[in-house]
Amino acid sequence: MTGLAAGFASPVRDAQRAFRSLLEALARPGSIVVPCAPPTPPAPLPPAMAAVALTLLDGDTPLWLDDGGAEARAWLRFHCGCRLVDDPGEASFVFVTAASRTPPHARLRAGSDEYPDRSATLVLAVQALGEGEAFALSGPGIDGTRELRAAGVPARFVADRAENHRLFPRGVDTLLVAGARLVALPRSTSLSPLER
């Protein structure tokens, strides 16, 4: 490790832009947004995942990272001050850089009926957004249904999302990231595969 990669060029302004992009994505599930991202986050963090970290994580945020390596962990600690945990069930944010290492939703914090906000947000790196496997989305923020295409989602993704949806108002919110692009799938969004 030669030195830490930079974070946002303009921390306040870029974090505000990224936060507005995240709100837009959550308000319109399945819509692809490009949050303001750092120019060169350390591997294996995609730029959109790094933007989520720089915008939403702080010293009070427990984070589980699948296997980001020493450089990514040091970058997250330095720029976000977040606490890295060994158990995904203890994390408020679960960052997965390789879909094959995605923990089952049942292992993640789902909140409670009294405090559904005490749940985890899964930030999952996929190969591509806008191409690949097709899914039908429905729920709040979607007029009828919306099609989402994503390549490289985990094999049990549809089953985990179905179980997660049944827990509402509890459950895990999901952000899919590919490069600098991001899609939000709030827990209230129903997802099913589209047959082609």
N, C-alpha and C. Protein backbone atom coordinates (compact mmCIF):
# COMPACT_ATOMS: atom_id res chain seq x y z
N MET A 1 0.86 -1.18 0.00
CA MET A 1 0.00 0.00 0.00
C MET A 1 0.90 1.23 0.00
N THR A 2 0.77 2.05 -1.03
CA THR A 2 1.62 3.22 -1.16
C THR A 2 1.01 4.45 -0.53
N GLY A 3 -0.26 4.55 -0.46
CA GLY A 3 -0.95 5.71 0.11
C GLY A 3 -2.43 5.57 -0.13
N LEU A 4 -3.20 6.30 0.64
CA LEU A 4 -4.65 6.21 0.51
C LEU A 4 -5.14 6.97 -0.71
N ALA A 5 -6.08 6.37 -1.41
CA ALA A 5 -6.73 7.07 -2.52
C ALA A 5 -7.58 8.20 -1.96
N ALA A 6 -7.77 9.21 -2.76
CA ALA A 6 -8.57 10.37 -2.34
C ALA A 6 -10.04 9.99 -2.19
N GLY A 7 -10.75 10.78 -1.42
CA GLY A 7 -12.19 10.66 -1.32
C GLY A 7 -12.83 11.63 -2.29
N PHE A 8 -13.92 12.27 -1.86
CA PHE A 8 -14.55 13.29 -2.69
C PHE A 8 -13.59 14.46 -2.90
N ALA A 9 -13.59 15.03 -4.10
CA ALA A 9 -12.76 16.21 -4.38
C ALA A 9 -13.22 17.39 -3.54
N SER A 10 -14.53 17.55 -3.42
CA SER A 10 -15.13 18.60 -2.60
C SER A 10 -16.07 17.91 -1.62
N PRO A 11 -15.58 17.52 -0.43
CA PRO A 11 -16.34 16.65 0.46
C PRO A 11 -17.78 17.09 0.73
N VAL A 12 -18.00 18.35 1.05
CA VAL A 12 -19.36 18.78 1.39
C VAL A 12 -20.25 18.79 0.16
N ARG A 13 -19.81 19.44 -0.89
CA ARG A 13 -20.64 19.55 -2.10
C ARG A 13 -20.89 18.18 -2.73
N ASP A 14 -19.85 17.35 -2.83
CA ASP A 14 -20.01 16.04 -3.46
C ASP A 14 -20.89 15.12 -2.61
N ALA A 15 -20.76 15.19 -1.28
CA ALA A 15 -21.63 14.38 -0.41
C ALA A 15 -23.08 14.83 -0.54
N GLN A 16 -23.31 16.12 -0.67
CA GLN A 16 -24.68 16.61 -0.87
C GLN A 16 -25.25 16.10 -2.19
N ARG A 17 -24.46 16.15 -3.25
CA ARG A 17 -24.91 15.64 -4.56
C ARG A 17 -25.20 14.15 -4.49
N ALA A 18 -24.31 13.41 -3.87
CA ALA A 18 -24.51 11.97 -3.76
C ALA A 18 -25.74 11.65 -2.92
N PHE A 19 -25.95 12.40 -1.83
CA PHE A 19 -27.12 12.17 -0.98
C PHE A 19 -28.41 12.42 -1.77
N ARG A 20 -28.45 13.49 -2.55
CA ARG A 20 -29.63 13.76 -3.38
C ARG A 20 -29.85 12.64 -4.40
N SER A 21 -28.79 12.11 -4.96
CA SER A 21 -28.90 10.99 -5.90
C SER A 21 -29.45 9.75 -5.22
N LEU A 22 -28.99 9.49 -3.99
CA LEU A 22 -29.49 8.34 -3.24
C LEU A 22 -30.97 8.50 -2.93
N LEU A 23 -31.38 9.71 -2.54
CA LEU A 23 -32.80 9.96 -2.28
C LEU A 23 -33.63 9.74 -3.55
N GLU A 24 -33.13 10.21 -4.68
CA GLU A 24 -33.81 10.02 -5.96
C GLU A 24 -33.95 8.53 -6.27
N ALA A 25 -32.90 7.76 -6.06
CA ALA A 25 -32.94 6.32 -6.32
C ALA A 25 -33.94 5.62 -5.41
N LEU A 26 -33.99 5.99 -4.14
CA LEU A 26 -34.93 5.37 -3.20
C LEU A 26 -36.37 5.77 -3.51
N ALA A 27 -36.58 6.99 -4.00
CA ALA A 27 -37.93 7.45 -4.34
C ALA A 27 -38.44 6.80 -5.62
N ARG A 28 -37.54 6.36 -6.48
CA ARG A 28 -37.90 5.75 -7.76
C ARG A 28 -37.16 4.42 -7.90
N PRO A 29 -37.61 3.40 -7.15
CA PRO A 29 -36.91 2.11 -7.17
C PRO A 29 -36.75 1.56 -8.60
N GLY A 30 -35.57 1.05 -8.86
CA GLY A 30 -35.29 0.47 -10.17
C GLY A 30 -34.73 1.46 -11.17
N SER A 31 -34.75 2.75 -10.86
CA SER A 31 -34.18 3.76 -11.75
C SER A 31 -32.68 3.86 -11.50
N ILE A 32 -31.92 3.89 -12.57
CA ILE A 32 -30.47 3.96 -12.46
C ILE A 32 -30.05 5.42 -12.26
N VAL A 33 -29.25 5.66 -11.23
CA VAL A 33 -28.70 6.99 -10.97
C VAL A 33 -27.18 6.89 -10.92
N VAL A 34 -26.54 8.02 -11.10
CA VAL A 34 -25.08 8.10 -11.00
C VAL A 34 -24.76 9.11 -9.91
N PRO A 35 -24.48 8.63 -8.68
CA PRO A 35 -24.12 9.57 -7.62
C PRO A 35 -22.73 10.14 -7.89
N CYS A 36 -22.48 11.29 -7.34
CA CYS A 36 -21.14 11.88 -7.44
C CYS A 36 -20.18 10.89 -6.78
N ALA A 37 -19.20 10.42 -7.51
CA ALA A 37 -18.33 9.37 -6.99
C ALA A 37 -16.88 9.84 -6.93
N PRO A 38 -16.10 9.28 -6.00
CA PRO A 38 -14.69 9.62 -5.95
C PRO A 38 -14.00 9.13 -7.22
N PRO A 39 -12.95 9.81 -7.64
CA PRO A 39 -12.33 9.45 -8.91
C PRO A 39 -11.70 8.06 -8.93
N THR A 40 -11.01 7.66 -7.87
CA THR A 40 -10.32 6.37 -7.88
C THR A 40 -10.39 5.70 -6.51
N PRO A 41 -11.53 5.08 -6.17
CA PRO A 41 -11.57 4.35 -4.90
C PRO A 41 -10.68 3.12 -4.99
N PRO A 42 -10.20 2.63 -3.86
CA PRO A 42 -9.34 1.44 -3.90
C PRO A 42 -10.13 0.21 -4.33
N ALA A 43 -9.47 -0.67 -5.05
CA ALA A 43 -10.09 -1.95 -5.43
C ALA A 43 -10.36 -2.74 -4.15
N PRO A 44 -11.43 -3.46 -4.09
CA PRO A 44 -12.41 -3.74 -5.14
C PRO A 44 -13.66 -2.86 -5.06
N LEU A 45 -13.61 -1.73 -4.38
CA LEU A 45 -14.79 -0.88 -4.21
C LEU A 45 -15.16 -0.20 -5.53
N PRO A 46 -16.38 -0.43 -6.05
CA PRO A 46 -16.83 0.33 -7.22
C PRO A 46 -17.05 1.79 -6.82
N PRO A 47 -16.92 2.74 -7.75
CA PRO A 47 -17.11 4.15 -7.42
C PRO A 47 -18.45 4.45 -6.73
N ALA A 48 -19.54 3.83 -7.18
CA ALA A 48 -20.85 4.10 -6.55
C ALA A 48 -20.88 3.61 -5.11
N MET A 49 -20.25 2.47 -4.82
CA MET A 49 -20.19 1.95 -3.45
C MET A 49 -19.37 2.90 -2.58
N ALA A 50 -18.26 3.39 -3.13
CA ALA A 50 -17.43 4.35 -2.40
C ALA A 50 -18.20 5.63 -2.13
N ALA A 51 -19.01 6.08 -3.09
CA ALA A 51 -19.82 7.29 -2.89
C ALA A 51 -20.84 7.08 -1.78
N VAL A 52 -21.45 5.89 -1.71
CA VAL A 52 -22.39 5.58 -0.62
C VAL A 52 -21.65 5.65 0.71
N ALA A 53 -20.46 5.06 0.76
CA ALA A 53 -19.67 5.08 2.00
C ALA A 53 -19.35 6.50 2.44
N LEU A 54 -18.84 7.31 1.52
CA LEU A 54 -18.45 8.68 1.86
C LEU A 54 -19.65 9.53 2.27
N THR A 55 -20.83 9.17 1.80
CA THR A 55 -22.04 9.96 2.07
C THR A 55 -22.76 9.53 3.33
N LEU A 56 -22.82 8.23 3.60
CA LEU A 56 -23.69 7.73 4.66
C LEU A 56 -22.98 7.14 5.87
N LEU A 57 -21.71 6.81 5.77
CA LEU A 57 -21.03 6.16 6.89
C LEU A 57 -20.29 7.17 7.75
N ASP A 58 -20.25 6.88 9.06
CA ASP A 58 -19.49 7.71 9.99
C ASP A 58 -19.05 6.84 11.16
N GLY A 59 -18.54 7.45 12.20
CA GLY A 59 -18.01 6.72 13.34
C GLY A 59 -19.04 5.91 14.12
N ASP A 60 -20.31 6.20 13.92
CA ASP A 60 -21.37 5.45 14.61
C ASP A 60 -21.96 4.35 13.74
N THR A 61 -21.38 4.11 12.58
CA THR A 61 -21.96 3.18 11.61
C THR A 61 -21.15 1.90 11.53
N PRO A 62 -21.68 0.78 12.06
CA PRO A 62 -20.97 -0.49 11.88
C PRO A 62 -21.12 -0.99 10.45
N LEU A 63 -20.00 -1.36 9.84
CA LEU A 63 -19.95 -1.81 8.45
C LEU A 63 -19.35 -3.19 8.38
N TRP A 64 -19.97 -4.06 7.57
CA TRP A 64 -19.38 -5.36 7.24
C TRP A 64 -18.98 -5.29 5.78
N LEU A 65 -17.73 -5.65 5.50
CA LEU A 65 -17.19 -5.67 4.14
C LEU A 65 -16.78 -7.10 3.84
N ASP A 66 -17.28 -7.64 2.72
CA ASP A 66 -17.06 -9.06 2.44
C ASP A 66 -15.58 -9.45 2.43
N ASP A 67 -14.78 -8.83 1.61
CA ASP A 67 -13.35 -9.14 1.57
C ASP A 67 -12.67 -8.05 0.77
N GLY A 68 -12.72 -6.86 1.28
CA GLY A 68 -12.23 -5.72 0.51
C GLY A 68 -10.74 -5.57 0.46
N GLY A 69 -10.02 -6.31 1.28
CA GLY A 69 -8.58 -6.16 1.31
C GLY A 69 -8.16 -5.02 2.22
N ALA A 70 -6.88 -5.00 2.55
CA ALA A 70 -6.35 -4.04 3.52
C ALA A 70 -6.48 -2.60 3.05
N GLU A 71 -6.25 -2.35 1.76
CA GLU A 71 -6.30 -0.97 1.26
C GLU A 71 -7.72 -0.40 1.33
N ALA A 72 -8.72 -1.19 0.94
CA ALA A 72 -10.11 -0.73 1.01
C ALA A 72 -10.53 -0.50 2.46
N ARG A 73 -10.13 -1.40 3.34
CA ARG A 73 -10.48 -1.24 4.77
C ARG A 73 -9.84 0.03 5.34
N ALA A 74 -8.57 0.26 5.03
CA ALA A 74 -7.89 1.46 5.52
C ALA A 74 -8.55 2.72 4.95
N TRP A 75 -8.94 2.68 3.68
CA TRP A 75 -9.60 3.83 3.04
C TRP A 75 -10.93 4.13 3.73
N LEU A 76 -11.72 3.09 3.99
CA LEU A 76 -13.01 3.28 4.66
C LEU A 76 -12.82 3.83 6.08
N ARG A 77 -11.87 3.28 6.81
CA ARG A 77 -11.62 3.78 8.17
C ARG A 77 -11.18 5.24 8.15
N PHE A 78 -10.28 5.59 7.23
CA PHE A 78 -9.75 6.95 7.18
C PHE A 78 -10.81 7.96 6.74
N HIS A 79 -11.48 7.68 5.62
CA HIS A 79 -12.42 8.65 5.05
C HIS A 79 -13.77 8.68 5.75
N CYS A 80 -14.21 7.56 6.29
CA CYS A 80 -15.56 7.48 6.89
C CYS A 80 -15.52 7.35 8.41
N GLY A 81 -14.43 6.85 8.95
CA GLY A 81 -14.34 6.64 10.39
C GLY A 81 -15.23 5.52 10.89
N CYS A 82 -15.73 4.70 9.97
CA CYS A 82 -16.69 3.66 10.36
C CYS A 82 -15.98 2.50 11.06
N ARG A 83 -16.78 1.78 11.83
CA ARG A 83 -16.29 0.61 12.57
C ARG A 83 -16.57 -0.63 11.73
N LEU A 84 -15.53 -1.38 11.39
CA LEU A 84 -15.70 -2.62 10.63
C LEU A 84 -15.97 -3.77 11.58
N VAL A 85 -17.01 -4.55 11.28
CA VAL A 85 -17.41 -5.67 12.13
C VAL A 85 -17.20 -6.98 11.38
N ASP A 86 -17.05 -8.07 12.15
CA ASP A 86 -16.80 -9.38 11.56
C ASP A 86 -18.07 -10.14 11.21
N ASP A 87 -19.19 -9.76 11.83
CA ASP A 87 -20.46 -10.46 11.63
C ASP A 87 -21.42 -9.55 10.87
N PRO A 88 -21.91 -9.98 9.70
CA PRO A 88 -22.83 -9.12 8.96
C PRO A 88 -24.12 -8.82 9.73
N GLY A 89 -24.46 -9.66 10.69
CA GLY A 89 -25.66 -9.45 11.50
C GLY A 89 -25.53 -8.28 12.46
N GLU A 90 -24.31 -7.78 12.67
CA GLU A 90 -24.08 -6.63 13.55
C GLU A 90 -24.00 -5.31 12.80
N ALA A 91 -24.02 -5.37 11.47
CA ALA A 91 -23.75 -4.19 10.65
C ALA A 91 -25.02 -3.42 10.28
N SER A 92 -24.88 -2.11 10.23
CA SER A 92 -25.94 -1.25 9.67
C SER A 92 -25.83 -1.21 8.16
N PHE A 93 -24.60 -1.33 7.65
CA PHE A 93 -24.36 -1.40 6.21
C PHE A 93 -23.54 -2.65 5.92
N VAL A 94 -23.95 -3.37 4.88
CA VAL A 94 -23.27 -4.59 4.45
C VAL A 94 -22.80 -4.34 3.02
N PHE A 95 -21.49 -4.24 2.83
CA PHE A 95 -20.91 -3.98 1.51
C PHE A 95 -20.40 -5.30 0.94
N VAL A 96 -20.91 -5.67 -0.22
CA VAL A 96 -20.51 -6.92 -0.87
C VAL A 96 -19.92 -6.57 -2.24
N THR A 97 -18.64 -6.85 -2.40
CA THR A 97 -17.96 -6.53 -3.66
C THR A 97 -17.97 -7.69 -4.64
N ALA A 98 -18.31 -8.89 -4.18
CA ALA A 98 -18.43 -10.07 -5.04
C ALA A 98 -19.72 -10.79 -4.68
N ALA A 99 -20.63 -10.90 -5.64
CA ALA A 99 -21.97 -11.44 -5.39
C ALA A 99 -21.93 -12.82 -4.74
N SER A 100 -20.92 -13.62 -5.04
CA SER A 100 -20.83 -14.97 -4.47
C SER A 100 -20.63 -14.94 -2.96
N ARG A 101 -20.24 -13.81 -2.40
CA ARG A 101 -20.02 -13.71 -0.95
C ARG A 101 -21.17 -13.00 -0.23
N THR A 102 -22.31 -12.86 -0.89
CA THR A 102 -23.46 -12.19 -0.29
C THR A 102 -24.04 -13.04 0.83
N PRO A 103 -24.12 -12.51 2.05
CA PRO A 103 -24.74 -13.29 3.12
C PRO A 103 -26.25 -13.37 2.89
N PRO A 104 -26.89 -14.46 3.34
CA PRO A 104 -28.35 -14.54 3.21
C PRO A 104 -29.01 -13.37 3.95
N HIS A 105 -30.11 -12.88 3.41
CA HIS A 105 -30.84 -11.78 4.06
C HIS A 105 -31.20 -12.14 5.50
N ALA A 106 -31.46 -13.42 5.76
CA ALA A 106 -31.85 -13.86 7.11
C ALA A 106 -30.75 -13.58 8.13
N ARG A 107 -29.51 -13.43 7.71
CA ARG A 107 -28.40 -13.14 8.63
C ARG A 107 -28.25 -11.65 8.91
N LEU A 108 -28.97 -10.81 8.16
CA LEU A 108 -28.81 -9.36 8.28
C LEU A 108 -29.86 -8.78 9.21
N ARG A 109 -29.55 -7.62 9.78
CA ARG A 109 -30.49 -6.94 10.68
C ARG A 109 -31.73 -6.51 9.90
N ALA A 110 -32.90 -6.92 10.39
CA ALA A 110 -34.16 -6.57 9.73
C ALA A 110 -34.96 -5.55 10.52
N GLY A 111 -34.42 -5.08 11.64
CA GLY A 111 -35.17 -4.16 12.48
C GLY A 111 -36.25 -4.92 13.25
N SER A 112 -37.15 -4.18 13.86
CA SER A 112 -38.26 -4.79 14.60
C SER A 112 -39.53 -4.06 14.21
N ASP A 113 -40.67 -4.59 14.64
CA ASP A 113 -41.93 -3.91 14.34
C ASP A 113 -41.95 -2.52 14.98
N GLU A 114 -41.37 -2.39 16.16
CA GLU A 114 -41.32 -1.09 16.85
C GLU A 114 -40.28 -0.16 16.23
N TYR A 115 -39.16 -0.73 15.77
CA TYR A 115 -38.06 0.07 15.22
C TYR A 115 -37.57 -0.53 13.89
N PRO A 116 -38.38 -0.42 12.84
CA PRO A 116 -37.96 -0.99 11.56
C PRO A 116 -36.74 -0.29 10.96
N ASP A 117 -36.46 0.92 11.44
CA ASP A 117 -35.31 1.68 10.93
C ASP A 117 -33.98 1.13 11.44
N ARG A 118 -34.01 0.21 12.36
CA ARG A 118 -32.78 -0.38 12.89
C ARG A 118 -32.37 -1.61 12.08
N SER A 119 -32.54 -1.51 10.79
CA SER A 119 -32.23 -2.61 9.89
C SER A 119 -30.95 -2.29 9.12
N ALA A 120 -30.51 -3.26 8.34
CA ALA A 120 -29.29 -3.09 7.54
C ALA A 120 -29.64 -2.62 6.13
N THR A 121 -28.67 -1.99 5.52
CA THR A 121 -28.72 -1.69 4.09
C THR A 121 -27.64 -2.51 3.42
N LEU A 122 -28.05 -3.32 2.46
CA LEU A 122 -27.13 -4.15 1.69
C LEU A 122 -26.71 -3.36 0.45
N VAL A 123 -25.42 -3.15 0.28
CA VAL A 123 -24.88 -2.49 -0.91
C VAL A 123 -24.11 -3.57 -1.67
N LEU A 124 -24.68 -3.99 -2.80
CA LEU A 124 -24.21 -5.16 -3.52
C LEU A 124 -23.67 -4.78 -4.89
N ALA A 125 -22.41 -5.10 -5.13
CA ALA A 125 -21.80 -4.86 -6.44
C ALA A 125 -22.24 -5.97 -7.40
N VAL A 126 -22.74 -5.56 -8.56
CA VAL A 126 -23.11 -6.50 -9.62
C VAL A 126 -22.26 -6.18 -10.85
N GLN A 127 -22.31 -7.06 -11.84
CA GLN A 127 -21.49 -6.87 -13.04
C GLN A 127 -21.97 -5.71 -13.90
N ALA A 128 -23.29 -5.54 -14.01
CA ALA A 128 -23.84 -4.48 -14.86
C ALA A 128 -25.26 -4.15 -14.45
N LEU A 129 -25.66 -2.91 -14.68
CA LEU A 129 -27.04 -2.47 -14.51
C LEU A 129 -27.53 -1.99 -15.88
N GLY A 130 -28.79 -2.31 -16.20
CA GLY A 130 -29.33 -1.95 -17.50
C GLY A 130 -29.19 -3.05 -18.53
N GLU A 131 -28.53 -4.13 -18.16
CA GLU A 131 -28.39 -5.31 -19.02
C GLU A 131 -28.31 -6.53 -18.12
N GLY A 132 -28.55 -7.71 -18.70
CA GLY A 132 -28.51 -8.93 -17.92
C GLY A 132 -29.89 -9.44 -17.60
N GLU A 133 -30.00 -10.14 -16.49
CA GLU A 133 -31.27 -10.75 -16.07
C GLU A 133 -32.33 -9.67 -15.85
N ALA A 134 -33.57 -9.97 -16.29
CA ALA A 134 -34.66 -9.00 -16.19
C ALA A 134 -35.55 -9.31 -14.99
N PHE A 135 -35.93 -8.25 -14.28
CA PHE A 135 -36.80 -8.37 -13.11
C PHE A 135 -37.94 -7.36 -13.24
N ALA A 136 -39.11 -7.74 -12.72
CA ALA A 136 -40.24 -6.82 -12.65
C ALA A 136 -40.30 -6.29 -11.22
N LEU A 137 -40.39 -4.97 -11.10
CA LEU A 137 -40.49 -4.32 -9.79
C LEU A 137 -41.86 -3.70 -9.65
N SER A 138 -42.39 -3.73 -8.44
CA SER A 138 -43.64 -3.02 -8.14
C SER A 138 -43.59 -2.56 -6.69
N GLY A 139 -44.40 -1.56 -6.39
CA GLY A 139 -44.46 -1.04 -5.03
C GLY A 139 -44.43 0.47 -5.04
N PRO A 140 -44.30 1.07 -3.86
CA PRO A 140 -44.27 2.54 -3.76
C PRO A 140 -43.18 3.15 -4.63
N GLY A 141 -43.52 4.25 -5.31
CA GLY A 141 -42.58 4.94 -6.18
C GLY A 141 -42.55 4.40 -7.60
N ILE A 142 -43.37 3.37 -7.87
CA ILE A 142 -43.42 2.76 -9.20
C ILE A 142 -44.86 2.78 -9.68
N ASP A 143 -45.09 3.36 -10.85
CA ASP A 143 -46.42 3.39 -11.45
C ASP A 143 -46.63 2.07 -12.19
N GLY A 144 -47.38 1.16 -11.60
CA GLY A 144 -47.58 -0.17 -12.19
C GLY A 144 -46.39 -1.04 -11.91
N THR A 145 -45.60 -1.32 -12.95
CA THR A 145 -44.37 -2.09 -12.78
C THR A 145 -43.24 -1.39 -13.52
N ARG A 146 -42.04 -1.73 -13.12
CA ARG A 146 -40.84 -1.20 -13.79
C ARG A 146 -39.90 -2.38 -14.02
N GLU A 147 -39.28 -2.40 -15.18
CA GLU A 147 -38.32 -3.46 -15.48
C GLU A 147 -36.92 -3.02 -15.05
N LEU A 148 -36.23 -3.93 -14.40
CA LEU A 148 -34.84 -3.72 -14.02
C LEU A 148 -34.02 -4.84 -14.62
N ARG A 149 -32.91 -4.49 -15.21
CA ARG A 149 -31.97 -5.50 -15.70
C ARG A 149 -30.68 -5.36 -14.91
N ALA A 150 -30.20 -6.51 -14.43
CA ALA A 150 -28.96 -6.53 -13.66
C ALA A 150 -28.23 -7.83 -13.96
N ALA A 151 -26.96 -7.73 -14.24
CA ALA A 151 -26.12 -8.90 -14.49
C ALA A 151 -25.27 -9.17 -13.26
N GLY A 152 -25.21 -10.45 -12.88
CA GLY A 152 -24.33 -10.84 -11.80
C GLY A 152 -24.94 -10.79 -10.41
N VAL A 153 -26.28 -10.90 -10.31
CA VAL A 153 -26.90 -10.95 -8.98
C VAL A 153 -26.69 -12.35 -8.40
N PRO A 154 -26.69 -12.49 -7.07
CA PRO A 154 -26.50 -13.81 -6.47
C PRO A 154 -27.62 -14.77 -6.86
N ALA A 155 -27.33 -16.06 -6.83
CA ALA A 155 -28.30 -17.09 -7.22
C ALA A 155 -29.57 -17.03 -6.38
N ARG A 156 -29.45 -16.73 -5.11
CA ARG A 156 -30.62 -16.72 -4.22
C ARG A 156 -31.24 -15.32 -4.08
N PHE A 157 -30.88 -14.39 -4.95
CA PHE A 157 -31.33 -13.00 -4.84
C PHE A 157 -32.85 -12.88 -4.84
N VAL A 158 -33.53 -13.53 -5.77
CA VAL A 158 -34.99 -13.43 -5.87
C VAL A 158 -35.65 -14.01 -4.62
N ALA A 159 -35.18 -15.17 -4.16
CA ALA A 159 -35.76 -15.79 -2.97
C ALA A 159 -35.52 -14.93 -1.73
N ASP A 160 -34.32 -14.38 -1.58
CA ASP A 160 -34.04 -13.49 -0.45
C ASP A 160 -34.92 -12.25 -0.48
N ARG A 161 -35.09 -11.66 -1.67
CA ARG A 161 -35.93 -10.46 -1.78
C ARG A 161 -37.39 -10.78 -1.47
N ALA A 162 -37.88 -11.94 -1.89
CA ALA A 162 -39.28 -12.32 -1.61
C ALA A 162 -39.49 -12.47 -0.11
N GLU A 163 -38.58 -13.15 0.56
CA GLU A 163 -38.68 -13.31 2.02
C GLU A 163 -38.57 -11.95 2.70
N ASN A 164 -37.67 -11.12 2.24
CA ASN A 164 -37.48 -9.79 2.80
C ASN A 164 -38.76 -8.96 2.66
N HIS A 165 -39.40 -9.04 1.50
CA HIS A 165 -40.63 -8.27 1.25
C HIS A 165 -41.75 -8.68 2.20
N ARG A 166 -41.79 -9.97 2.54
CA ARG A 166 -42.83 -10.47 3.46
C ARG A 166 -42.66 -9.92 4.88
N LEU A 167 -41.47 -9.47 5.23
CA LEU A 167 -41.21 -8.96 6.58
C LEU A 167 -41.69 -7.53 6.78
N PHE A 168 -42.05 -6.84 5.70
CA PHE A 168 -42.38 -5.41 5.76
C PHE A 168 -43.36 -5.12 6.90
N PRO A 169 -43.12 -4.09 7.75
CA PRO A 169 -42.23 -2.95 7.57
C PRO A 169 -40.77 -3.21 7.96
N ARG A 170 -40.49 -4.39 8.50
CA ARG A 170 -39.09 -4.74 8.76
C ARG A 170 -38.44 -5.14 7.44
N GLY A 171 -37.15 -5.33 7.45
CA GLY A 171 -36.48 -5.82 6.26
C GLY A 171 -35.23 -5.05 5.91
N VAL A 172 -34.56 -5.54 4.89
CA VAL A 172 -33.29 -4.99 4.43
C VAL A 172 -33.52 -4.17 3.17
N ASP A 173 -32.98 -2.97 3.14
CA ASP A 173 -32.99 -2.16 1.92
C ASP A 173 -31.73 -2.53 1.12
N THR A 174 -31.85 -2.55 -0.20
CA THR A 174 -30.74 -2.98 -1.05
C THR A 174 -30.38 -1.90 -2.06
N LEU A 175 -29.10 -1.68 -2.22
CA LEU A 175 -28.57 -0.82 -3.29
C LEU A 175 -27.70 -1.70 -4.17
N LEU A 176 -28.02 -1.77 -5.46
CA LEU A 176 -27.18 -2.48 -6.42
C LEU A 176 -26.26 -1.45 -7.06
N VAL A 177 -24.98 -1.77 -7.15
CA VAL A 177 -24.02 -0.84 -7.75
C VAL A 177 -23.22 -1.57 -8.83
N ALA A 178 -22.94 -0.85 -9.90
CA ALA A 178 -22.08 -1.36 -10.98
C ALA A 178 -21.28 -0.17 -11.49
N GLY A 179 -19.99 -0.17 -11.24
CA GLY A 179 -19.18 0.98 -11.60
C GLY A 179 -19.66 2.21 -10.86
N ALA A 180 -19.99 3.26 -11.60
CA ALA A 180 -20.47 4.51 -11.00
C ALA A 180 -21.99 4.58 -10.94
N ARG A 181 -22.69 3.50 -11.33
CA ARG A 181 -24.15 3.50 -11.39
C ARG A 181 -24.74 2.79 -10.17
N LEU A 182 -25.97 3.19 -9.82
CA LEU A 182 -26.62 2.67 -8.62
C LEU A 182 -28.12 2.55 -8.84
N VAL A 183 -28.72 1.51 -8.27
CA VAL A 183 -30.17 1.30 -8.26
C VAL A 183 -30.58 0.97 -6.84
N ALA A 184 -31.67 1.56 -6.36
CA ALA A 184 -32.18 1.26 -5.02
C ALA A 184 -33.36 0.31 -5.10
N LEU A 185 -33.39 -0.63 -4.17
CA LEU A 185 -34.51 -1.55 -4.00
C LEU A 185 -34.91 -1.50 -2.53
N PRO A 186 -35.77 -0.55 -2.16
CA PRO A 186 -36.22 -0.49 -0.77
C PRO A 186 -36.95 -1.77 -0.38
N ARG A 187 -37.06 -2.01 0.90
CA ARG A 187 -37.73 -3.22 1.38
C ARG A 187 -39.18 -3.30 0.94
N SER A 188 -39.81 -2.17 0.63
CA SER A 188 -41.21 -2.15 0.19
C SER A 188 -41.38 -2.53 -1.28
N THR A 189 -40.28 -2.69 -2.00
CA THR A 189 -40.34 -3.02 -3.42
C THR A 189 -40.39 -4.52 -3.63
N SER A 190 -41.39 -4.97 -4.38
CA SER A 190 -41.52 -6.37 -4.74
C SER A 190 -40.73 -6.63 -6.02
N LEU A 191 -40.03 -7.75 -6.07
CA LEU A 191 -39.19 -8.09 -7.22
C LEU A 191 -39.50 -9.50 -7.66
N SER A 192 -39.69 -9.70 -8.96
CA SER A 192 -39.89 -11.05 -9.50
C SER A 192 -39.17 -11.16 -10.84
N PRO A 193 -38.69 -12.37 -11.18
CA PRO A 193 -37.99 -12.52 -12.46
C PRO A 193 -38.96 -12.38 -13.62
N LEU A 194 -38.49 -11.79 -14.71
CA LEU A 194 -39.28 -11.70 -15.95
C LEU A 194 -38.85 -12.84 -16.86
N GLU A 195 -39.82 -13.57 -17.38
CA GLU A 195 -39.52 -14.64 -18.33
C GLU A 195 -39.38 -14.04 -19.71
N ARG A 196 -38.33 -14.38 -20.43
CA ARG A 196 -38.11 -13.87 -21.79
C ARG A 196 -37.94 -15.03 -22.73
